[in-house]
Amino acid sequence: MASDATITVIGEAMLELSRGSGDSWNLRYGGDVINTAIHLARAGDKVRFASAIGADPMSEELRKAWEAEGVDTGLLIGTPGRTTGLYAIETDETGERSFHYWRGEAAARAMFDLPESSAMVDAAAQSDLLYFSLITLAILPDAGREALLALCERVKARGGRIAFDGNYRPRLWSDAATARAWRDRAIALCDIGLPTLADEVEMGEADDAADAAARWGAGEGREIVVKLGAEGCLVGGVLVPPPARVDVVDSSGAGDAFNGGYLHARLAGAEPAEAALAGHRLAGWNIGRRGAIPARDADAPYGQKVPA
């Protein structure tokens, strides 16, 4: 069952190239926050995507594709003269992926510096839940980062909540210290924190899941879920393993799918541990198929009832 909350996700969406059969490539779309938005929309939630994309025909096709999934694109700014970013995914025989990016002139980098930005921010401030990631912060200039955190303060001031994912991509930052500084400012504003232990370790800030949870403020009233890959996640100091083992076809988007399943379940009234299982089920379905956001099929766990 979906809640009646208004969710806004804010960040970057990109064109995705993934390897098909032989030497062919498949063109899809992806990006951490739009992946989560689509999972939420498929589950029946009211979700809006706030960002900027190009004003070219391919960008408009992306907009139509997201609308077909049920995502509200009314806060999406089409930007003449800029492009939508592109990335390519290659996976090895174990399903682990590597990425190649072309995003230097991506419109999303200017989302807070456009004539339509003020209206986008005013609308996003009315959200019941605002969701973004460390990648959202990474692609923005410092002024945009400040604008995003100011938006978080506006959402909280009117009683809304903030969910923040700690996706760390070293190539997007000048150094780990800068990434940590902006991450910590976002953590201070979030109500739901969704870090991944591997990212925290790579940033030089955690030894284990409990350490990561503590650094994210789990003892300070925040709801912190530390994602541990195949081991599951740590919620409220308790390890919640996946309900079943999954053969990995493509690990792209696993964390985004988990976030979608978790947030949907929590908004629907599930307790954190049960919401974690919902996240695991959706992530398991996702990694058993190719692409960061696979096409919905009969096995997709979007319709499963979440206990109140």
Protein backbone atom coordinates (compact mmCIF):
# COMPACT_ATOMS: atom_id res chain seq x y z
CA MET A 1 0.00 0.00 0.00
CA ALA A 2 1.34 3.42 -0.94
CA SER A 3 1.28 6.41 1.40
CA ASP A 4 -0.13 9.80 0.45
CA ALA A 5 3.22 11.53 1.09
CA THR A 6 4.68 13.82 -1.55
CA ILE A 7 8.23 12.67 -2.27
CA THR A 8 10.73 14.76 -4.20
CA VAL A 9 14.02 13.28 -5.39
CA ILE A 10 16.66 15.72 -6.53
CA GLY A 11 19.85 14.98 -8.44
CA GLU A 12 21.20 13.91 -11.80
CA ALA A 13 19.74 11.53 -14.37
CA MET A 14 21.81 10.32 -17.30
CA LEU A 15 21.66 8.32 -20.48
CA GLU A 16 22.95 4.80 -19.87
CA LEU A 17 24.83 2.63 -22.36
CA SER A 18 25.08 -1.02 -21.38
CA ARG A 19 26.69 -3.88 -23.26
CA GLY A 20 24.25 -6.04 -25.22
CA SER A 21 24.97 -9.21 -27.16
CA GLY A 22 28.15 -9.28 -29.19
CA ASP A 23 29.47 -5.78 -29.86
CA SER A 24 26.10 -4.03 -29.52
CA TRP A 25 25.16 -1.48 -26.86
CA ASN A 26 21.75 -0.82 -25.35
CA LEU A 27 20.63 2.74 -24.62
CA ARG A 28 18.65 3.22 -21.42
CA TYR A 29 18.75 5.78 -18.62
CA GLY A 30 20.00 5.78 -15.05
CA GLY A 31 21.28 7.81 -12.15
CA ASP A 32 21.00 7.03 -8.47
CA VAL A 33 18.08 9.27 -7.51
CA ILE A 34 16.01 8.70 -10.67
CA ASN A 35 16.44 4.94 -10.18
CA THR A 36 15.02 5.24 -6.67
CA ALA A 37 12.25 7.55 -7.92
CA ILE A 38 11.12 4.97 -10.47
CA HIS A 39 11.05 2.20 -7.89
CA LEU A 40 8.92 4.41 -5.63
CA ALA A 41 6.59 5.33 -8.49
CA ARG A 42 6.20 1.69 -9.51
CA ALA A 43 5.19 0.92 -5.94
CA GLY A 44 2.46 3.55 -6.17
CA ASP A 45 4.06 6.46 -4.34
CA LYS A 46 3.62 10.08 -5.38
CA VAL A 47 7.14 11.04 -6.45
CA ARG A 48 8.53 14.08 -8.25
CA PHE A 49 11.92 14.43 -9.93
CA ALA A 50 13.66 17.80 -9.54
CA SER A 51 16.65 18.42 -11.79
CA ALA A 52 17.72 19.89 -15.11
CA ILE A 53 18.23 18.05 -18.41
CA GLY A 54 18.95 19.07 -21.98
CA ALA A 55 16.27 20.46 -24.27
CA ASP A 56 17.13 18.11 -27.15
CA PRO A 57 14.87 15.34 -28.51
CA MET A 58 16.74 12.58 -26.64
CA SER A 59 16.27 14.42 -23.34
CA GLU A 60 12.56 14.76 -24.07
CA GLU A 61 12.40 11.02 -24.68
CA LEU A 62 13.85 10.53 -21.22
CA ARG A 63 11.21 12.81 -19.73
CA LYS A 64 8.46 10.81 -21.45
CA ALA A 65 9.96 7.52 -20.26
CA TRP A 66 9.98 8.71 -16.64
CA GLU A 67 6.43 9.99 -16.95
CA ALA A 68 5.37 6.60 -18.33
CA GLU A 69 6.78 5.05 -15.14
CA GLY A 70 4.61 7.36 -13.06
CA VAL A 71 7.23 9.94 -12.06
CA ASP A 72 6.02 13.56 -11.97
CA THR A 73 8.44 15.62 -14.10
CA GLY A 74 6.87 18.99 -13.39
CA LEU A 75 10.00 20.10 -11.51
CA LEU A 76 12.34 19.03 -14.32
CA ILE A 77 13.94 21.97 -16.13
CA GLY A 78 14.74 21.63 -19.83
CA THR A 79 17.92 23.60 -20.53
CA PRO A 80 18.80 24.79 -24.06
CA GLY A 81 22.50 24.74 -24.80
CA ARG A 82 23.28 21.98 -22.31
CA THR A 83 23.20 18.21 -22.61
CA THR A 84 22.07 15.31 -20.51
CA GLY A 85 25.00 13.34 -19.11
CA LEU A 86 25.98 9.94 -20.49
CA TYR A 87 27.59 6.91 -18.88
CA ALA A 88 28.51 3.44 -20.04
CA ILE A 89 28.40 0.29 -17.90
CA GLU A 90 30.51 -2.80 -18.40
CA THR A 91 30.03 -5.88 -16.22
CA ASP A 92 32.44 -8.73 -15.60
CA GLU A 93 31.58 -12.43 -15.30
CA THR A 94 30.55 -12.00 -11.63
CA GLY A 95 28.14 -9.17 -12.37
CA GLU A 96 30.39 -6.45 -10.93
CA ARG A 97 30.31 -3.27 -12.97
CA SER A 98 32.64 -0.48 -14.05
CA PHE A 99 31.56 2.92 -15.32
CA HIS A 100 32.72 5.44 -17.91
CA TYR A 101 31.22 8.96 -17.78
CA TRP A 102 30.63 11.92 -20.11
CA ARG A 103 28.95 14.52 -17.92
CA GLY A 104 31.08 17.70 -17.99
CA GLU A 105 28.37 19.86 -19.60
CA ALA A 106 25.41 18.10 -18.00
CA ALA A 107 22.46 20.41 -17.36
CA ALA A 108 21.97 18.97 -13.88
CA ARG A 109 25.09 20.79 -12.68
CA ALA A 110 23.25 24.09 -13.20
CA MET A 111 19.89 23.08 -11.68
CA PHE A 112 20.06 25.82 -9.02
CA ASP A 113 21.33 28.53 -11.38
CA LEU A 114 18.64 28.73 -14.07
CA PRO A 115 15.72 31.15 -14.60
CA GLU A 116 13.30 28.39 -13.53
CA SER A 117 15.34 27.32 -10.49
CA SER A 118 13.51 29.48 -7.96
CA ALA A 119 10.13 28.00 -8.86
CA MET A 120 11.58 24.48 -8.73
CA VAL A 121 12.99 25.11 -5.25
CA ASP A 122 9.76 26.66 -3.96
CA ALA A 123 7.79 23.61 -5.12
CA ALA A 124 10.34 21.13 -3.76
CA ALA A 125 10.20 22.86 -0.38
CA GLN A 126 6.61 21.62 -0.03
CA SER A 127 7.74 17.98 0.05
CA ASP A 128 6.86 15.54 2.80
CA LEU A 129 10.12 13.71 2.01
CA LEU A 130 13.11 15.12 0.12
CA TYR A 131 15.62 12.52 -1.07
CA PHE A 132 19.10 13.16 -2.47
CA SER A 133 22.56 11.64 -2.44
CA LEU A 134 26.21 12.52 -2.10
CA ILE A 135 26.37 12.30 -5.89
CA THR A 136 23.79 15.10 -6.04
CA LEU A 137 26.15 17.24 -3.97
CA ALA A 138 29.20 16.09 -5.95
CA ILE A 139 27.95 17.30 -9.33
CA LEU A 140 27.01 20.76 -8.08
CA PRO A 141 29.25 23.81 -7.68
CA ASP A 142 29.60 25.09 -4.12
CA ALA A 143 26.78 27.61 -4.57
CA GLY A 144 24.49 24.82 -5.74
CA ARG A 145 25.48 22.68 -2.77
CA GLU A 146 24.59 25.51 -0.41
CA ALA A 147 21.27 25.96 -2.21
CA LEU A 148 20.46 22.26 -1.81
CA LEU A 149 21.19 22.29 1.92
CA ALA A 150 19.12 25.46 2.29
CA LEU A 151 16.27 23.61 0.56
CA CYS A 152 16.62 20.81 3.12
CA GLU A 153 16.24 23.38 5.91
CA ARG A 154 13.05 24.71 4.29
CA VAL A 155 11.58 21.22 4.01
CA LYS A 156 12.36 20.48 7.66
CA ALA A 157 11.01 23.85 8.81
CA ARG A 158 7.55 22.95 7.54
CA GLY A 159 7.64 19.45 9.04
CA GLY A 160 8.99 17.43 6.12
CA ARG A 161 11.76 14.86 6.35
CA ILE A 162 15.09 14.42 4.59
CA ALA A 163 16.51 11.11 3.33
CA PHE A 164 20.16 11.11 2.27
CA ASP A 165 22.21 8.38 0.57
CA GLY A 166 25.99 8.47 0.99
CA ASN A 167 26.93 7.37 -2.56
CA TYR A 168 30.63 8.20 -2.82
CA ARG A 169 32.28 8.45 -6.24
CA PRO A 170 35.92 9.58 -5.78
CA ARG A 171 36.29 10.85 -9.35
CA LEU A 172 33.58 13.46 -8.69
CA TRP A 173 35.48 15.04 -5.79
CA SER A 174 38.80 16.86 -5.58
CA ASP A 175 39.65 14.80 -2.49
CA ALA A 176 38.01 12.64 0.17
CA ALA A 177 38.21 15.38 2.81
CA THR A 178 36.01 17.68 0.73
CA ALA A 179 33.50 14.89 0.16
CA ARG A 180 33.42 14.14 3.89
CA ALA A 181 32.82 17.78 4.77
CA TRP A 182 29.77 18.07 2.50
CA ARG A 183 28.55 14.62 3.51
CA ASP A 184 28.68 15.61 7.18
CA ARG A 185 26.67 18.76 6.54
CA ALA A 186 24.03 16.69 4.76
CA ILE A 187 23.98 14.11 7.56
CA ALA A 188 23.31 16.88 10.07
CA LEU A 189 20.10 17.71 8.18
CA CYS A 190 18.88 14.21 7.39
CA ASP A 191 16.25 12.19 9.21
CA ILE A 192 16.92 8.95 7.32
CA GLY A 193 20.52 8.10 6.44
CA LEU A 194 21.35 5.40 3.90
CA PRO A 195 25.13 4.91 3.82
CA THR A 196 26.98 1.99 2.24
CA LEU A 197 29.79 0.54 4.34
CA ALA A 198 32.12 0.15 1.34
CA ASP A 199 31.79 3.88 0.61
CA GLU A 200 32.46 4.83 4.23
CA VAL A 201 35.56 2.62 4.31
CA GLU A 202 36.81 4.10 1.04
CA MET A 203 36.41 7.58 2.48
CA GLY A 204 38.59 6.51 5.41
CA GLU A 205 35.85 7.01 7.97
CA ALA A 206 34.66 3.61 9.21
CA ASP A 207 36.00 0.24 10.32
CA ASP A 208 32.71 -1.67 10.40
CA ALA A 209 28.95 -1.21 10.11
CA ALA A 210 28.47 -0.19 13.74
CA ASP A 211 31.19 2.42 13.39
CA ALA A 212 29.58 3.79 10.23
CA ALA A 213 26.17 3.96 11.90
CA ALA A 214 27.62 5.83 14.86
CA ARG A 215 29.43 8.30 12.61
CA TRP A 216 26.13 8.96 10.81
CA GLY A 217 24.46 9.76 14.11
CA ALA A 218 22.46 6.61 14.80
CA GLY A 219 22.57 7.46 18.50
CA GLU A 220 21.36 10.99 17.92
CA GLY A 221 17.78 10.30 16.87
CA ARG A 222 18.48 9.65 13.18
CA GLU A 223 17.26 6.54 11.39
CA ILE A 224 20.42 5.03 9.91
CA VAL A 225 20.55 1.99 7.62
CA VAL A 226 24.06 0.81 6.75
CA LYS A 227 24.04 -1.23 3.53
CA LEU A 228 26.44 -4.19 3.52
CA GLY A 229 26.01 -5.69 0.07
CA ALA A 230 25.41 -9.44 0.08
CA GLU A 231 25.48 -9.53 3.90
CA GLY A 232 22.36 -7.36 4.16
CA CYS A 233 22.19 -4.19 6.23
CA LEU A 234 22.50 -2.92 9.78
CA VAL A 235 19.29 -1.32 11.10
CA GLY A 236 18.98 -0.11 14.67
CA GLY A 237 22.10 -2.07 15.59
CA VAL A 238 20.64 -5.32 14.23
CA LEU A 239 21.90 -7.15 11.15
CA VAL A 240 19.07 -7.82 8.69
CA PRO A 241 20.27 -10.30 6.03
CA PRO A 242 18.61 -10.69 2.61
CA PRO A 243 15.72 -13.18 2.67
CA ALA A 244 17.24 -15.25 -0.13
CA ARG A 245 20.48 -15.65 -2.04
CA VAL A 246 20.48 -14.09 -5.51
CA ASP A 247 22.70 -14.89 -8.48
CA VAL A 248 24.07 -11.52 -9.56
CA VAL A 249 23.61 -10.66 -13.23
CA ASP A 250 24.28 -6.91 -12.92
CA SER A 251 24.91 -5.14 -9.62
CA SER A 252 24.08 -1.71 -11.12
CA GLY A 253 21.45 0.12 -9.11
CA ALA A 254 21.34 -2.35 -6.21
CA GLY A 255 21.58 0.32 -3.54
CA ASP A 256 19.08 2.55 -5.34
CA ALA A 257 16.58 -0.30 -5.47
CA PHE A 258 17.12 -1.04 -1.78
CA ASN A 259 16.48 2.61 -0.97
CA GLY A 260 13.27 2.59 -3.00
CA GLY A 261 11.97 -0.54 -1.30
CA TYR A 262 12.98 0.69 2.15
CA LEU A 263 11.54 4.18 1.84
CA HIS A 264 8.29 2.94 0.32
CA ALA A 265 7.81 0.47 3.16
CA ARG A 266 8.62 3.01 5.86
CA LEU A 267 6.21 5.55 4.39
CA ALA A 268 3.57 2.81 4.31
CA GLY A 269 4.02 2.21 8.03
CA ALA A 270 6.47 -0.70 8.24
CA GLU A 271 9.01 -0.90 11.04
CA PRO A 272 12.65 -0.41 9.99
CA ALA A 273 13.58 -4.12 10.05
CA GLU A 274 10.58 -5.07 7.90
CA ALA A 275 11.31 -2.17 5.57
CA ALA A 276 14.87 -3.47 5.24
CA LEU A 277 13.52 -6.81 4.06
CA ALA A 278 11.40 -4.99 1.47
CA GLY A 279 14.54 -3.20 0.34
CA HIS A 280 16.44 -6.48 0.09
CA ARG A 281 13.68 -8.08 -1.97
CA LEU A 282 13.64 -5.23 -4.46
CA ALA A 283 17.44 -5.04 -4.66
CA GLY A 284 17.60 -8.81 -5.20
CA TRP A 285 15.14 -8.59 -8.07
CA ASN A 286 17.12 -5.68 -9.55
CA ILE A 287 20.54 -7.36 -9.55
CA GLY A 288 19.10 -10.49 -11.15
CA ARG A 289 18.51 -8.47 -14.34
CA ARG A 290 20.57 -6.23 -16.58
CA GLY A 291 20.56 -2.46 -16.29
CA ALA A 292 20.38 -0.04 -13.38
CA ILE A 293 16.58 0.06 -13.64
CA PRO A 294 15.31 -3.14 -15.30
CA ALA A 295 11.97 -3.30 -17.04
CA ARG A 296 9.18 -4.32 -14.70
CA ASP A 297 8.19 -7.99 -14.98
CA ALA A 298 5.89 -10.48 -13.25
CA ASP A 299 8.46 -11.21 -10.54
CA ALA A 300 9.00 -7.58 -9.55
CA PRO A 301 8.13 -7.26 -5.83
CA TYR A 302 6.35 -3.90 -6.04
CA GLY A 303 2.91 -5.24 -5.17
CA GLN A 304 3.84 -7.13 -2.00
CA LYS A 305 1.91 -6.05 1.07
CA VAL A 306 3.95 -4.36 3.77
CA PRO A 307 2.83 -5.12 7.35
CA ALA A 308 1.67 -2.08 9.31
